C-alpha atoms as a PDB file:
ATOM      1  CA  UNK A   1     245.273 182.271   3.324  1.00  0.00           C
ATOM      2  CA  UNK A   2     248.996 181.475   3.494  1.00  0.00           C
ATOM      3  CA  UNK A   3     250.393 178.227   2.113  1.00  0.00           C
ATOM      4  CA  UNK A   4     251.355 177.135   5.648  1.00  0.00           C
ATOM      5  CA  UNK A   5     247.751 177.417   6.816  1.00  0.00           C
ATOM      6  CA  UNK A   6     246.553 175.403   3.810  1.00  0.00           C
ATOM      7  CA  UNK A   7     248.653 172.383   4.827  1.00  0.00           C
ATOM      8  CA  UNK A   8     246.575 169.841   6.712  1.00  0.00           C
ATOM      9  CA  UNK A   9     247.470 169.532  10.442  1.00  0.00           C
ATOM     10  CA  UNK A  10     248.085 165.797  10.048  1.00  0.00           C
ATOM     11  CA  UNK A  11     250.610 166.446   7.273  1.00  0.00           C
ATOM     12  CA  UNK A  12     252.354 169.111   9.351  1.00  0.00           C
ATOM     13  CA  UNK A  13     252.688 166.646  12.209  1.00  0.00           C
ATOM     14  CA  UNK A  14     254.020 163.939   9.883  1.00  0.00           C
ATOM     15  CA  UNK A  15     256.530 166.331   8.360  1.00  0.00           C
ATOM     16  CA  UNK A  16     257.762 167.503  11.757  1.00  0.00           C
ATOM     17  CA  UNK A  17     258.076 163.881  12.941  1.00  0.00           C
ATOM     18  CA  UNK A  18     260.063 162.725   9.899  1.00  0.00           C
ATOM     19  CA  UNK A  19     261.881 165.868   8.721  1.00  0.00           C
ATOM     20  CA  UNK A  20     262.409 167.744  11.987  1.00  0.00           C
ATOM     21  CA  UNK A  21     261.958 171.495  12.470  1.00  0.00           C
ATOM     22  CA  UNK A  22     263.333 172.240   8.983  1.00  0.00           C
ATOM     23  CA  UNK A  23     259.917 171.377   7.566  1.00  0.00           C
ATOM     24  CA  UNK A  24     258.766 174.962   8.226  1.00  0.00           C
ATOM     25  CA  UNK A  25     261.059 176.206   5.456  1.00  0.00           C
ATOM     26  CA  UNK A  26     259.561 173.933   2.803  1.00  0.00           C
ATOM     27  CA  UNK A  27     256.761 174.734   0.388  1.00  0.00           C
ATOM     28  CA  UNK A  28     253.762 172.406   0.360  1.00  0.00           C
ATOM     29  CA  UNK A  29     254.915 170.249  -2.563  1.00  0.00           C
ATOM     30  CA  UNK A  30     258.442 169.794  -1.181  1.00  0.00           C
ATOM     31  CA  UNK A  31     257.070 169.040   2.268  1.00  0.00           C
ATOM     32  CA  UNK A  32     254.807 166.297   0.910  1.00  0.00           C
ATOM     33  CA  UNK A  33     257.393 164.730  -1.394  1.00  0.00           C
ATOM     34  CA  UNK A  34     260.208 164.737   1.183  1.00  0.00           C
ATOM     35  CA  UNK A  35     257.979 163.310   3.919  1.00  0.00           C
ATOM     36  CA  UNK A  36     256.776 160.538   1.610  1.00  0.00           C
ATOM     37  CA  UNK A  37     260.339 159.781   0.528  1.00  0.00           C
ATOM     38  CA  UNK A  38     261.519 159.548   4.145  1.00  0.00           C
ATOM     39  CA  UNK A  39     258.692 157.152   5.023  1.00  0.00           C
ATOM     40  CA  UNK A  40     259.353 155.126   1.852  1.00  0.00           C
ATOM     41  CA  UNK A  41     263.039 154.820   2.818  1.00  0.00           C
ATOM     42  CA  UNK A  42     262.035 153.739   6.323  1.00  0.00           C
ATOM     43  CA  UNK A  43     259.782 150.998   4.910  1.00  0.00           C
ATOM     44  CA  UNK A  44     262.575 149.761   2.630  1.00  0.00           C
ATOM     45  CA  UNK A  45     265.004 149.659   5.567  1.00  0.00           C
ATOM     46  CA  UNK A  46     262.589 147.652   7.685  1.00  0.00           C
ATOM     47  CA  UNK A  47     262.007 145.180   4.863  1.00  0.00           C
ATOM     48  CA  UNK A  48     265.746 144.916   4.177  1.00  0.00           C
ATOM     49  CA  UNK A  49     266.299 143.930   7.795  1.00  0.00           C
ATOM     50  CA  UNK A  50     264.209 140.888   6.961  1.00  0.00           C
ATOM     51  CA  UNK A  51     266.479 140.058   3.984  1.00  0.00           C
ATOM     52  CA  UNK A  52     263.930 141.357   1.458  1.00  0.00           C
ATOM     53  CA  UNK A  53     261.578 138.460   2.034  1.00  0.00           C
ATOM     54  CA  UNK A  54     259.843 139.073  -1.280  1.00  0.00           C
ATOM     55  CA  UNK A  55     258.412 139.881  -3.712  1.00  0.00           C
ATOM     56  CA  UNK A  56     255.671 139.464  -2.859  1.00  0.00           C
ATOM     57  CA  UNK A  57     256.112 141.443   0.355  1.00  0.00           C
ATOM     58  CA  UNK A  58     253.872 140.750   3.323  1.00  0.00           C
ATOM     59  CA  UNK A  59     252.392 143.792   5.132  1.00  0.00           C
ATOM     60  CA  UNK A  60     252.435 141.710   8.334  1.00  0.00           C
ATOM     61  CA  UNK A  61     256.241 141.973   8.334  1.00  0.00           C
ATOM     62  CA  UNK A  62     255.856 145.582   9.493  1.00  0.00           C
ATOM     63  CA  UNK A  63     253.505 144.769  12.361  1.00  0.00           C
ATOM     64  CA  UNK A  64     256.245 144.618  14.991  1.00  0.00           C
ATOM     65  CA  UNK A  65     257.916 147.936  14.166  1.00  0.00           C
ATOM     66  CA  UNK A  66     254.503 149.652  13.889  1.00  0.00           C
ATOM     67  CA  UNK A  67     253.277 148.018  17.145  1.00  0.00           C
ATOM     68  CA  UNK A  68     250.329 146.158  15.639  1.00  0.00           C
ATOM     69  CA  UNK A  69     249.561 143.491  18.211  1.00  0.00           C
ATOM     70  CA  UNK A  70     246.883 141.476  16.466  1.00  0.00           C
ATOM     71  CA  UNK A  71     245.048 141.164  13.157  1.00  0.00           C
ATOM     72  CA  UNK A  72     241.663 139.518  12.955  1.00  0.00           C
ATOM     73  CA  UNK A  73     239.188 139.017  10.139  1.00  0.00           C
ATOM     74  CA  UNK A  74     235.659 140.045  10.995  1.00  0.00           C
ATOM     75  CA  UNK A  75     232.299 140.830   9.446  1.00  0.00           C
ATOM     76  CA  UNK A  76     232.634 144.617   9.223  1.00  0.00           C
ATOM     77  CA  UNK A  77     230.108 147.247   8.094  1.00  0.00           C
ATOM     78  CA  UNK A  78     229.907 147.698   4.322  1.00  0.00           C
ATOM     79  CA  UNK A  79     231.561 151.117   4.648  1.00  0.00           C
ATOM     80  CA  UNK A  80     234.731 149.611   6.172  1.00  0.00           C
ATOM     81  CA  UNK A  81     237.291 147.246   4.683  1.00  0.00           C
ATOM     82  CA  UNK A  82     239.564 147.617   7.695  1.00  0.00           C
ATOM     83  CA  UNK A  83     239.700 149.248  11.127  1.00  0.00           C
ATOM     84  CA  UNK A  84     242.700 150.202  13.259  1.00  0.00           C
ATOM     85  CA  UNK A  85     242.088 150.453  17.024  1.00  0.00           C
ATOM     86  CA  UNK A  86     244.655 152.020  19.408  1.00  0.00           C
ATOM     87  CA  UNK A  87     244.954 150.026  22.634  1.00  0.00           C
ATOM     88  CA  UNK A  88     247.438 149.724  25.472  1.00  0.00           C
ATOM     89  CA  UNK A  89     250.671 148.499  23.940  1.00  0.00           C
ATOM     90  CA  UNK A  90     249.856 149.249  20.306  1.00  0.00           C
ATOM     91  CA  UNK A  91     247.033 148.565  17.854  1.00  0.00           C
ATOM     92  CA  UNK A  92     244.421 145.981  17.002  1.00  0.00           C
ATOM     93  CA  UNK A  93     243.614 145.592  13.319  1.00  0.00           C
ATOM     94  CA  UNK A  94     240.308 144.272  12.013  1.00  0.00           C
ATOM     95  CA  UNK A  95     239.922 143.327   8.356  1.00  0.00           C
ATOM     96  CA  UNK A  96     236.696 142.461   6.570  1.00  0.00           C
ATOM     97  CA  UNK A  97     236.785 138.722   5.965  1.00  0.00           C
ATOM     98  CA  UNK A  98     234.903 138.456   2.672  1.00  0.00           C
ATOM     99  CA  UNK A  99     237.376 140.413   0.517  1.00  0.00           C
ATOM    100  CA  UNK A 100     239.373 139.163  -2.509  1.00  0.00           C
ATOM    101  CA  UNK A 101     243.004 138.311  -1.747  1.00  0.00           C
ATOM    102  CA  UNK A 102     244.700 141.233  -3.541  1.00  0.00           C
ATOM    103  CA  UNK A 103     242.253 143.722  -2.060  1.00  0.00           C
ATOM    104  CA  UNK A 104     242.803 142.242   1.391  1.00  0.00           C
ATOM    105  CA  UNK A 105     246.591 142.606   1.075  1.00  0.00           C
ATOM    106  CA  UNK A 106     246.193 146.247   0.112  1.00  0.00           C
ATOM    107  CA  UNK A 107     243.740 146.875   2.964  1.00  0.00           C
ATOM    108  CA  UNK A 108     246.171 145.418   5.526  1.00  0.00           C
ATOM    109  CA  UNK A 109     248.993 147.577   4.142  1.00  0.00           C
ATOM    110  CA  UNK A 110     246.635 150.589   4.104  1.00  0.00           C
ATOM    111  CA  UNK A 111     245.804 150.117   7.789  1.00  0.00           C
ATOM    112  CA  UNK A 112     249.537 149.917   8.538  1.00  0.00           C
ATOM    113  CA  UNK A 113     249.720 153.317   6.826  1.00  0.00           C
ATOM    114  CA  UNK A 114     247.317 154.787   9.382  1.00  0.00           C
ATOM    115  CA  UNK A 115     249.767 153.997  12.204  1.00  0.00           C
ATOM    116  CA  UNK A 116     252.017 156.794  10.914  1.00  0.00           C
ATOM    117  CA  UNK A 117     249.455 159.321  12.125  1.00  0.00           C
ATOM    118  CA  UNK A 118     249.991 158.218  15.721  1.00  0.00           C
ATOM    119  CA  UNK A 119     252.768 158.732  18.229  1.00  0.00           C
ATOM    120  CA  UNK A 120     253.512 155.036  18.735  1.00  0.00           C
ATOM    121  CA  UNK A 121     256.021 155.738  21.532  1.00  0.00           C
ATOM    122  CA  UNK A 122     253.114 156.378  23.888  1.00  0.00           C
ATOM    123  CA  UNK A 123     251.724 153.473  25.937  1.00  0.00           C
ATOM    124  CA  UNK A 124     248.485 153.936  24.031  1.00  0.00           C
ATOM    125  CA  UNK A 125     249.240 155.330  20.539  1.00  0.00           C
ATOM    126  CA  UNK A 126     247.864 158.867  20.335  1.00  0.00           C
ATOM    127  CA  UNK A 127     247.341 161.565  17.736  1.00  0.00           C
ATOM    128  CA  UNK A 128     249.231 164.809  18.308  1.00  0.00           C
ATOM    129  CA  UNK A 129     247.105 166.967  16.013  1.00  0.00           C
ATOM    130  CA  UNK A 130     243.588 168.233  16.583  1.00  0.00           C
ATOM    131  CA  UNK A 131     241.889 167.361  13.302  1.00  0.00           C
ATOM    132  CA  UNK A 132     242.563 166.425   9.699  1.00  0.00           C
ATOM    133  CA  UNK A 133     240.673 166.140   6.467  1.00  0.00           C
ATOM    134  CA  UNK A 134     239.582 162.573   5.821  1.00  0.00           C
ATOM    135  CA  UNK A 135     240.914 162.357   2.259  1.00  0.00           C
ATOM    136  CA  UNK A 136     244.371 163.622   3.281  1.00  0.00           C
ATOM    137  CA  UNK A 137     244.952 160.767   5.713  1.00  0.00           C
ATOM    138  CA  UNK A 138     243.434 158.236   3.310  1.00  0.00           C
ATOM    139  CA  UNK A 139     245.716 159.417   0.511  1.00  0.00           C
ATOM    140  CA  UNK A 140     248.776 159.043   2.737  1.00  0.00           C
ATOM    141  CA  UNK A 141     247.672 155.605   3.904  1.00  0.00           C
ATOM    142  CA  UNK A 142     247.274 154.574   0.253  1.00  0.00           C
ATOM    143  CA  UNK A 143     250.796 155.821  -0.451  1.00  0.00           C
ATOM    144  CA  UNK A 144     252.184 153.773   2.439  1.00  0.00           C
ATOM    145  CA  UNK A 145     250.293 150.700   1.222  1.00  0.00           C
ATOM    146  CA  UNK A 146     251.906 151.058  -2.196  1.00  0.00           C
ATOM    147  CA  UNK A 147     255.347 151.551  -0.654  1.00  0.00           C
ATOM    148  CA  UNK A 148     254.904 148.342   1.374  1.00  0.00           C
ATOM    149  CA  UNK A 149     253.571 146.145  -1.416  1.00  0.00           C
ATOM    150  CA  UNK A 150     255.835 147.661  -4.088  1.00  0.00           C
ATOM    151  CA  UNK A 151     259.026 148.941  -2.395  1.00  0.00           C
ATOM    152  CA  UNK A 152     260.889 151.370  -4.630  1.00  0.00           C
ATOM    153  CA  UNK A 153     264.263 149.602  -4.539  1.00  0.00           C
ATOM    154  CA  UNK A 154     262.716 146.215  -5.330  1.00  0.00           C
ATOM    155  CA  UNK A 155     260.525 147.589  -8.094  1.00  0.00           C
ATOM    156  CA  UNK A 156     263.404 149.358  -9.816  1.00  0.00           C
ATOM    157  CA  UNK A 157     265.521 146.194  -9.616  1.00  0.00           C
ATOM    158  CA  UNK A 158     262.821 143.892 -10.993  1.00  0.00           C
ATOM    159  CA  UNK A 159     261.965 146.230 -13.882  1.00  0.00           C
ATOM    160  CA  UNK A 160     265.611 146.649 -14.826  1.00  0.00           C
ATOM    161  CA  UNK A 161     266.625 142.987 -14.508  1.00  0.00           C
ATOM    162  CA  UNK A 162     263.568 141.664 -16.352  1.00  0.00           C
ATOM    163  CA  UNK A 163     263.537 144.548 -18.858  1.00  0.00           C
ATOM    164  CA  UNK A 164     259.904 145.278 -18.218  1.00  0.00           C
ATOM    165  CA  UNK A 165     259.147 148.210 -20.498  1.00  0.00           C
ATOM    166  CA  UNK A 166     255.580 149.586 -20.431  1.00  0.00           C
ATOM    167  CA  UNK A 167     253.161 146.963 -21.734  1.00  0.00           C
ATOM    168  CA  UNK A 168     249.997 145.218 -20.611  1.00  0.00           C
ATOM    169  CA  UNK A 169     251.918 141.944 -20.517  1.00  0.00           C
ATOM    170  CA  UNK A 170     254.515 143.455 -18.153  1.00  0.00           C
ATOM    171  CA  UNK A 171     251.697 144.898 -16.024  1.00  0.00           C
ATOM    172  CA  UNK A 172     250.164 141.412 -15.668  1.00  0.00           C
ATOM    173  CA  UNK A 173     253.565 139.918 -14.782  1.00  0.00           C
ATOM    174  CA  UNK A 174     254.190 142.536 -12.097  1.00  0.00           C
ATOM    175  CA  UNK A 175     250.724 141.906 -10.668  1.00  0.00           C
ATOM    176  CA  UNK A 176     251.590 138.223 -10.221  1.00  0.00           C
ATOM    177  CA  UNK A 177     255.095 138.883  -8.870  1.00  0.00           C
ATOM    178  CA  UNK A 178     254.001 141.432  -6.261  1.00  0.00           C
ATOM    179  CA  UNK A 179     250.469 140.129  -5.682  1.00  0.00           C
ATOM    180  CA  UNK A 180     249.037 143.608  -6.186  1.00  0.00           C
ATOM    181  CA  UNK A 181     246.186 144.838  -8.369  1.00  0.00           C
ATOM    182  CA  UNK A 182     246.761 146.640 -11.649  1.00  0.00           C
ATOM    183  CA  UNK A 183     245.547 150.007 -10.337  1.00  0.00           C
ATOM    184  CA  UNK A 184     247.969 149.881  -7.382  1.00  0.00           C
ATOM    185  CA  UNK A 185     250.866 149.013  -9.702  1.00  0.00           C
ATOM    186  CA  UNK A 186     249.924 151.730 -12.216  1.00  0.00           C
ATOM    187  CA  UNK A 187     249.661 154.343  -9.496  1.00  0.00           C
ATOM    188  CA  UNK A 188     253.075 153.379  -8.135  1.00  0.00           C
ATOM    189  CA  UNK A 189     254.853 152.966 -11.492  1.00  0.00           C
ATOM    190  CA  UNK A 190     253.376 155.855 -13.457  1.00  0.00           C
ATOM    191  CA  UNK A 191     252.307 158.519 -10.939  1.00  0.00           C
ATOM    192  CA  UNK A 192     254.564 158.153  -7.927  1.00  0.00           C
ATOM    193  CA  UNK A 193     257.890 156.744  -9.101  1.00  0.00           C
ATOM    194  CA  UNK A 194     257.533 157.650 -12.793  1.00  0.00           C
ATOM    195  CA  UNK A 195     259.318 154.485 -13.860  1.00  0.00           C
ATOM    196  CA  UNK A 196     256.989 154.055 -16.828  1.00  0.00           C
ATOM    197  CA  UNK A 197     256.339 156.883 -19.273  1.00  0.00           C
ATOM    198  CA  UNK A 198     253.017 155.877 -20.755  1.00  0.00           C
ATOM    199  CA  UNK A 199     249.275 156.395 -20.572  1.00  0.00           C
ATOM    200  CA  UNK A 200     247.091 153.681 -19.029  1.00  0.00           C
ATOM    201  CA  UNK A 201     243.320 153.780 -18.705  1.00  0.00           C
ATOM    202  CA  UNK A 202     240.422 151.372 -18.316  1.00  0.00           C
ATOM    203  CA  UNK A 203     237.083 151.505 -20.125  1.00  0.00           C
ATOM    204  CA  UNK A 204     233.864 149.538 -20.270  1.00  0.00           C
ATOM    205  CA  UNK A 205     232.095 148.582 -23.487  1.00  0.00           C
ATOM    206  CA  UNK A 206     228.360 149.196 -23.176  1.00  0.00           C
ATOM    207  CA  UNK A 207     225.680 147.192 -24.976  1.00  0.00           C
ATOM    208  CA  UNK A 208     225.016 150.125 -27.348  1.00  0.00           C
ATOM    209  CA  UNK A 209     228.642 150.028 -28.498  1.00  0.00           C
ATOM    210  CA  UNK A 210     229.745 153.141 -26.618  1.00  0.00           C
ATOM    211  CA  UNK A 211     233.021 153.083 -24.699  1.00  0.00           C
ATOM    212  CA  UNK A 212     233.071 154.720 -21.257  1.00  0.00           C
ATOM    213  CA  UNK A 213     236.334 155.391 -19.446  1.00  0.00           C
ATOM    214  CA  UNK A 214     236.688 155.041 -15.692  1.00  0.00           C
ATOM    215  CA  UNK A 215     237.920 158.456 -14.538  1.00  0.00           C
ATOM    216  CA  UNK A 216     239.596 156.975 -11.462  1.00  0.00           C
ATOM    217  CA  UNK A 217     241.658 154.596 -13.604  1.00  0.00           C
ATOM    218  CA  UNK A 218     243.651 157.040 -15.756  1.00  0.00           C
ATOM    219  CA  UNK A 219     247.408 157.145 -15.229  1.00  0.00           C
ATOM    220  CA  UNK A 220     249.524 159.629 -17.204  1.00  0.00           C
ATOM    221  CA  UNK A 221     253.301 159.491 -17.518  1.00  0.00           C
ATOM    222  CA  UNK A 222     255.453 162.610 -17.989  1.00  0.00           C
ATOM    223  CA  UNK A 223     255.053 162.701 -21.780  1.00  0.00           C
ATOM    224  CA  UNK A 224     251.278 162.280 -21.563  1.00  0.00           C
ATOM    225  CA  UNK A 225     250.309 164.914 -18.970  1.00  0.00           C
ATOM    226  CA  UNK A 226     248.586 167.086 -21.575  1.00  0.00           C
ATOM    227  CA  UNK A 227     246.671 164.238 -23.196  1.00  0.00           C
ATOM    228  CA  UNK A 228     242.905 164.305 -22.885  1.00  0.00           C
ATOM    229  CA  UNK A 229     241.430 160.841 -22.385  1.00  0.00           C
ATOM    230  CA  UNK A 230     237.864 160.770 -23.721  1.00  0.00           C
ATOM    231  CA  UNK A 231     235.327 159.869 -21.049  1.00  0.00           C
ATOM    232  CA  UNK A 232     232.841 158.663 -23.657  1.00  0.00           C
ATOM    233  CA  UNK A 233     233.307 157.385 -27.184  1.00  0.00           C
ATOM    234  CA  UNK A 234     230.019 156.783 -28.987  1.00  0.00           C
ATOM    235  CA  UNK A 235     230.024 154.077 -31.618  1.00  0.00           C
ATOM    236  CA  UNK A 236     229.256 156.391 -34.541  1.00  0.00           C
ATOM    237  CA  UNK A 237     230.793 159.644 -33.226  1.00  0.00           C
ATOM    238  CA  UNK A 238     233.975 161.215 -34.579  1.00  0.00           C
ATOM    239  CA  UNK A 239     234.768 162.965 -31.291  1.00  0.00           C
ATOM    240  CA  UNK A 240     234.147 162.035 -27.666  1.00  0.00           C
ATOM    241  CA  UNK A 241     231.556 163.734 -25.530  1.00  0.00           C
ATOM    242  CA  UNK A 242     232.999 166.500 -23.395  1.00  0.00           C
ATOM    243  CA  UNK A 243     233.021 165.977 -19.655  1.00  0.00           C
ATOM    244  CA  UNK A 244     231.820 169.551 -19.097  1.00  0.00           C
ATOM    245  CA  UNK A 245     230.415 172.337 -21.314  1.00  0.00           C
ATOM    246  CA  UNK A 246     233.519 174.418 -20.568  1.00  0.00           C
ATOM    247  CA  UNK A 247     235.884 172.033 -22.334  1.00  0.00           C
ATOM    248  CA  UNK A 248     236.926 172.860 -25.851  1.00  0.00           C
ATOM    249  CA  UNK A 249     237.870 170.505 -28.649  1.00  0.00           C
ATOM    250  CA  UNK A 250     240.646 172.961 -29.405  1.00  0.00           C
ATOM    251  CA  UNK A 251     242.414 171.552 -26.364  1.00  0.00           C
ATOM    252  CA  UNK A 252     244.237 168.797 -28.199  1.00  0.00           C
ATOM    253  CA  UNK A 253     241.396 168.303 -30.686  1.00  0.00           C
ATOM    254  CA  UNK A 254     243.642 166.518 -33.172  1.00  0.00           C
ATOM    255  CA  UNK A 255     244.928 164.335 -30.376  1.00  0.00           C
ATOM    256  CA  UNK A 256     241.415 163.390 -29.356  1.00  0.00           C
ATOM    257  CA  UNK A 257     240.504 162.562 -32.937  1.00  0.00           C
ATOM    258  CA  UNK A 258     243.522 160.282 -33.464  1.00  0.00           C
ATOM    259  CA  UNK A 259     243.156 158.610 -30.074  1.00  0.00           C
ATOM    260  CA  UNK A 260     239.411 158.095 -30.484  1.00  0.00           C
ATOM    261  CA  UNK A 261     239.951 156.593 -33.934  1.00  0.00           C
ATOM    262  CA  UNK A 262     242.570 154.196 -32.554  1.00  0.00           C
ATOM    263  CA  UNK A 263     240.293 153.193 -29.666  1.00  0.00           C
ATOM    264  CA  UNK A 264     237.298 152.537 -31.927  1.00  0.00           C
ATOM    265  CA  UNK A 265     239.315 150.520 -34.448  1.00  0.00           C
ATOM    266  CA  UNK A 266     240.907 148.494 -31.661  1.00  0.00           C
ATOM    267  CA  UNK A 267     237.556 147.686 -30.051  1.00  0.00           C
ATOM    268  CA  UNK A 268     236.160 146.644 -33.453  1.00  0.00           C
ATOM    269  CA  UNK A 269     239.052 144.227 -33.835  1.00  0.00           C
ATOM    270  CA  UNK A 270     238.654 142.847 -30.312  1.00  0.00           C
ATOM    271  CA  UNK A 271     235.018 142.069 -31.059  1.00  0.00           C
ATOM    272  CA  UNK A 272     236.172 139.511 -33.606  1.00  0.00           C
ATOM    273  CA  UNK A 273     237.063 137.200 -30.727  1.00  0.00           C
ATOM    274  CA  UNK A 274     240.679 138.041 -29.816  1.00  0.00           C
ATOM    275  CA  UNK A 275     241.305 139.369 -26.315  1.00  0.00           C
ATOM    276  CA  UNK A 276     244.382 141.522 -27.009  1.00  0.00           C
ATOM    277  CA  UNK A 277     245.405 143.840 -29.823  1.00  0.00           C
ATOM    278  CA  UNK A 278     248.217 146.303 -30.592  1.00  0.00           C
ATOM    279  CA  UNK A 279     248.042 149.037 -33.222  1.00  0.00           C
ATOM    280  CA  UNK A 280     249.978 152.193 -34.033  1.00  0.00           C
ATOM    281  CA  UNK A 281     248.643 155.693 -34.680  1.00  0.00           C
ATOM    282  CA  UNK A 282     250.192 159.065 -35.518  1.00  0.00           C
ATOM    283  CA  UNK A 283     250.034 162.266 -33.530  1.00  0.00           C
ATOM    284  CA  UNK A 284     251.800 165.383 -34.778  1.00  0.00           C
ATOM    285  CA  UNK A 285     254.306 163.416 -36.771  1.00  0.00           C
ATOM    286  CA  UNK A 286     255.140 160.939 -34.005  1.00  0.00           C
ATOM    287  CA  UNK A 287     254.076 157.321 -33.827  1.00  0.00           C
ATOM    288  CA  UNK A 288     252.435 155.847 -30.754  1.00  0.00           C
ATOM    289  CA  UNK A 289     251.531 152.277 -29.883  1.00  0.00           C
ATOM    290  CA  UNK A 290     248.101 151.496 -28.436  1.00  0.00           C
ATOM    291  CA  UNK A 291     247.751 148.180 -26.611  1.00  0.00           C
ATOM    292  CA  UNK A 292     244.364 146.913 -25.508  1.00  0.00           C
ATOM    293  CA  UNK A 293     243.261 143.855 -23.605  1.00  0.00           C
ATOM    294  CA  UNK A 294     239.645 142.918 -23.061  1.00  0.00           C
ATOM    295  CA  UNK A 295     238.186 141.060 -20.110  1.00  0.00           C
ATOM    296  CA  UNK A 296     235.194 139.191 -21.536  1.00  0.00           C
ATOM    297  CA  UNK A 297     234.242 137.795 -18.126  1.00  0.00           C
ATOM    298  CA  UNK A 298     233.270 141.202 -16.779  1.00  0.00           C
ATOM    299  CA  UNK A 299     229.789 142.559 -17.371  1.00  0.00           C
ATOM    300  CA  UNK A 300     229.758 144.890 -19.182  1.00  0.00           C
ATOM    301  CA  UNK A 301     233.047 143.932 -20.838  1.00  0.00           C
ATOM    302  CA  UNK A 302     235.996 146.000 -19.626  1.00  0.00           C
ATOM    303  CA  UNK A 303     239.086 146.862 -21.593  1.00  0.00           C
ATOM    304  CA  UNK A 304     242.475 148.155 -20.419  1.00  0.00           C
ATOM    305  CA  UNK A 305     244.428 150.437 -22.755  1.00  0.00           C
ATOM    306  CA  UNK A 306     248.120 151.363 -22.686  1.00  0.00           C
ATOM    307  CA  UNK A 307     249.623 154.050 -24.940  1.00  0.00           C
ATOM    308  CA  UNK A 308     253.373 154.523 -25.314  1.00  0.00           C
ATOM    309  CA  UNK A 309     255.758 155.956 -27.842  1.00  0.00           C
ATOM    310  CA  UNK A 310     256.292 153.422 -30.609  1.00  0.00           C
ATOM    311  CA  UNK A 311     259.746 151.850 -30.714  1.00  0.00           C
ATOM    312  CA  UNK A 312     261.794 152.422 -33.832  1.00  0.00           C
END
């Protein structure tokens, strides 16, 4: 199967709409990155026309240019946080009412993202492709949501002016400034824009003392791509459990040992009653800083970790 055939029809249509016919000469990765960049620039331009009314930025400010006629909060099925309905003249948006504020803001921005898969110049917005894989469109809508809530130009400016180097304290400050959840900010900062070079992950502390990491909440900066985050750290184990029998401890075994040791020692300290701790550990002759903050209100207790190169 050729690379062209592997590209989802919805992505091909997006690329043609935003890049023109030149998209056919691009490989899959370039096609995706250039299409996302063009849409990100478009979002920034639309927000700039409104004199950067933020942060925080309101997804509703894009309703007019994306032809969203009305937003209502309804009791939706448990499988849906939001629904976008094409109608004559544009779209109707329905959002589940009983959703926390930050999640609701993301859901609204996410539904705005779905409008990019329609030809909105038609009287009734229509799709111009036959089918698409569900996760492809959802991933793109998530990207658009991040670009709306955390516009690249604004984010770069805030980080530079406030000197917000990677830290859990800076992450909390950005969450308040942009009214976005930590996972949305981490995804935008670490994965998409690569403004922070660090490793961030979230774990839960079980009653038996074991530490389990949420696989969906692991964000690796450029210097940490090869790091293996242990999915399970048992209280009395020297090494983490492997996520599959095909993994080998030779893959960064020393790294796992040093990281696991730092995690266990940090958790032991947090259990003394403090809710945040910073410690340093060595890996191959280089020092790293491990920051951890516990949320005692969650059940079981959750803990967010951030690893970065230690400052001299």
